[in-house]
């Protein structure tokens, strides 16, 4: 398997799986939040591949996770 394919395969699977799970979620908060977290964390390698600085690529989803998890449900 080529290096480029490996670099994009796992994050792509994470985003697709997370979006599918969010689309089919029921009204339970914890599974929904875990699915959204999966999508946010899976987006980090895409941001890095697009040239976003490493610190920003990891900090932005981290802040988003903290905000999402701290919201009242």
C-alpha atoms as a PDB file:
ATOM      1  CA  UNK A   1       0.000   0.000   0.000  1.00  0.00           C
ATOM      2  CA  UNK A   2       1.459   3.353  -0.954  1.00  0.00           C
ATOM      3  CA  UNK A   3       2.306   5.926   1.637  1.00  0.00           C
ATOM      4  CA  UNK A   4      -0.144   8.470   0.217  1.00  0.00           C
ATOM      5  CA  UNK A   5      -2.989   5.953   0.339  1.00  0.00           C
ATOM      6  CA  UNK A   6      -2.214   5.021   3.942  1.00  0.00           C
ATOM      7  CA  UNK A   7      -2.054   8.692   4.900  1.00  0.00           C
ATOM      8  CA  UNK A   8      -5.594   9.357   3.630  1.00  0.00           C
ATOM      9  CA  UNK A   9      -7.308   6.009   4.259  1.00  0.00           C
ATOM     10  CA  UNK A  10      -7.700   5.984   8.050  1.00  0.00           C
ATOM     11  CA  UNK A  11      -8.792   9.629   8.420  1.00  0.00           C
ATOM     12  CA  UNK A  12     -11.237   9.182   5.546  1.00  0.00           C
ATOM     13  CA  UNK A  13     -12.733   6.128   7.198  1.00  0.00           C
ATOM     14  CA  UNK A  14     -13.024   8.016  10.478  1.00  0.00           C
ATOM     15  CA  UNK A  15     -14.838  10.950   8.894  1.00  0.00           C
ATOM     16  CA  UNK A  16     -17.195   8.770   6.852  1.00  0.00           C
ATOM     17  CA  UNK A  17     -17.943   6.448   9.768  1.00  0.00           C
ATOM     18  CA  UNK A  18     -18.484   9.367  12.136  1.00  0.00           C
ATOM     19  CA  UNK A  19     -20.802  11.191   9.737  1.00  0.00           C
ATOM     20  CA  UNK A  20     -22.804   8.037   9.109  1.00  0.00           C
ATOM     21  CA  UNK A  21     -23.149   7.450  12.826  1.00  0.00           C
ATOM     22  CA  UNK A  22     -24.184  11.073  13.448  1.00  0.00           C
ATOM     23  CA  UNK A  23     -26.780  10.859  10.683  1.00  0.00           C
ATOM     24  CA  UNK A  24     -28.286   7.723  12.208  1.00  0.00           C
ATOM     25  CA  UNK A  25     -28.022   8.808  15.838  1.00  0.00           C
ATOM     26  CA  UNK A  26     -30.877   8.680  18.268  1.00  0.00           C
ATOM     27  CA  UNK A  27     -31.521  11.262  20.966  1.00  0.00           C
ATOM     28  CA  UNK A  28     -28.902  10.029  23.433  1.00  0.00           C
ATOM     29  CA  UNK A  29     -26.276  12.663  24.134  1.00  0.00           C
ATOM     30  CA  UNK A  30     -23.218  10.543  24.887  1.00  0.00           C
ATOM     31  CA  UNK A  31     -23.176   8.443  21.692  1.00  0.00           C
ATOM     32  CA  UNK A  32     -23.871  11.556  19.627  1.00  0.00           C
ATOM     33  CA  UNK A  33     -21.011  13.459  21.256  1.00  0.00           C
ATOM     34  CA  UNK A  34     -18.643  10.521  20.771  1.00  0.00           C
ATOM     35  CA  UNK A  35     -19.534  10.399  17.083  1.00  0.00           C
ATOM     36  CA  UNK A  36     -18.967  14.125  16.659  1.00  0.00           C
ATOM     37  CA  UNK A  37     -15.653  13.753  18.487  1.00  0.00           C
ATOM     38  CA  UNK A  38     -14.622  11.007  16.066  1.00  0.00           C
ATOM     39  CA  UNK A  39     -15.284  13.301  13.111  1.00  0.00           C
ATOM     40  CA  UNK A  40     -13.355  16.204  14.649  1.00  0.00           C
ATOM     41  CA  UNK A  41     -10.334  14.077  15.519  1.00  0.00           C
ATOM     42  CA  UNK A  42     -10.366  12.470  12.065  1.00  0.00           C
ATOM     43  CA  UNK A  43     -10.181  15.891  10.426  1.00  0.00           C
ATOM     44  CA  UNK A  44      -6.750  16.651  11.935  1.00  0.00           C
ATOM     45  CA  UNK A  45      -4.728  14.680   9.336  1.00  0.00           C
ATOM     46  CA  UNK A  46      -6.647  16.399   6.529  1.00  0.00           C
ATOM     47  CA  UNK A  47      -5.800  19.796   7.983  1.00  0.00           C
ATOM     48  CA  UNK A  48      -2.131  18.807   8.269  1.00  0.00           C
ATOM     49  CA  UNK A  49      -2.099  17.592   4.655  1.00  0.00           C
ATOM     50  CA  UNK A  50      -3.557  20.907   3.513  1.00  0.00           C
ATOM     51  CA  UNK A  51      -0.662  22.768   5.096  1.00  0.00           C
ATOM     52  CA  UNK A  52      -2.283  24.009   8.290  1.00  0.00           C
ATOM     53  CA  UNK A  53       0.379  24.475  10.983  1.00  0.00           C
ATOM     54  CA  UNK A  54       0.535  21.553  13.399  1.00  0.00           C
ATOM     55  CA  UNK A  55      -0.335  23.578  16.465  1.00  0.00           C
ATOM     56  CA  UNK A  56      -3.473  25.031  14.841  1.00  0.00           C
ATOM     57  CA  UNK A  57      -4.485  21.660  13.360  1.00  0.00           C
ATOM     58  CA  UNK A  58      -4.521  20.053  16.805  1.00  0.00           C
ATOM     59  CA  UNK A  59      -5.688  23.033  18.883  1.00  0.00           C
ATOM     60  CA  UNK A  60      -8.805  23.930  16.855  1.00  0.00           C
ATOM     61  CA  UNK A  61     -10.437  20.470  17.136  1.00  0.00           C
ATOM     62  CA  UNK A  62      -9.357  20.310  20.776  1.00  0.00           C
ATOM     63  CA  UNK A  63     -11.099  23.565  21.575  1.00  0.00           C
ATOM     64  CA  UNK A  64     -14.143  22.444  19.593  1.00  0.00           C
ATOM     65  CA  UNK A  65     -14.250  19.204  21.595  1.00  0.00           C
ATOM     66  CA  UNK A  66     -14.081  21.044  24.910  1.00  0.00           C
ATOM     67  CA  UNK A  67     -16.836  23.454  23.862  1.00  0.00           C
ATOM     68  CA  UNK A  68     -19.090  20.688  22.516  1.00  0.00           C
ATOM     69  CA  UNK A  69     -18.645  18.492  25.572  1.00  0.00           C
ATOM     70  CA  UNK A  70     -19.253  21.411  27.948  1.00  0.00           C
ATOM     71  CA  UNK A  71     -22.551  22.423  26.340  1.00  0.00           C
ATOM     72  CA  UNK A  72     -25.646  21.449  28.303  1.00  0.00           C
ATOM     73  CA  UNK A  73     -27.736  18.745  26.710  1.00  0.00           C
END
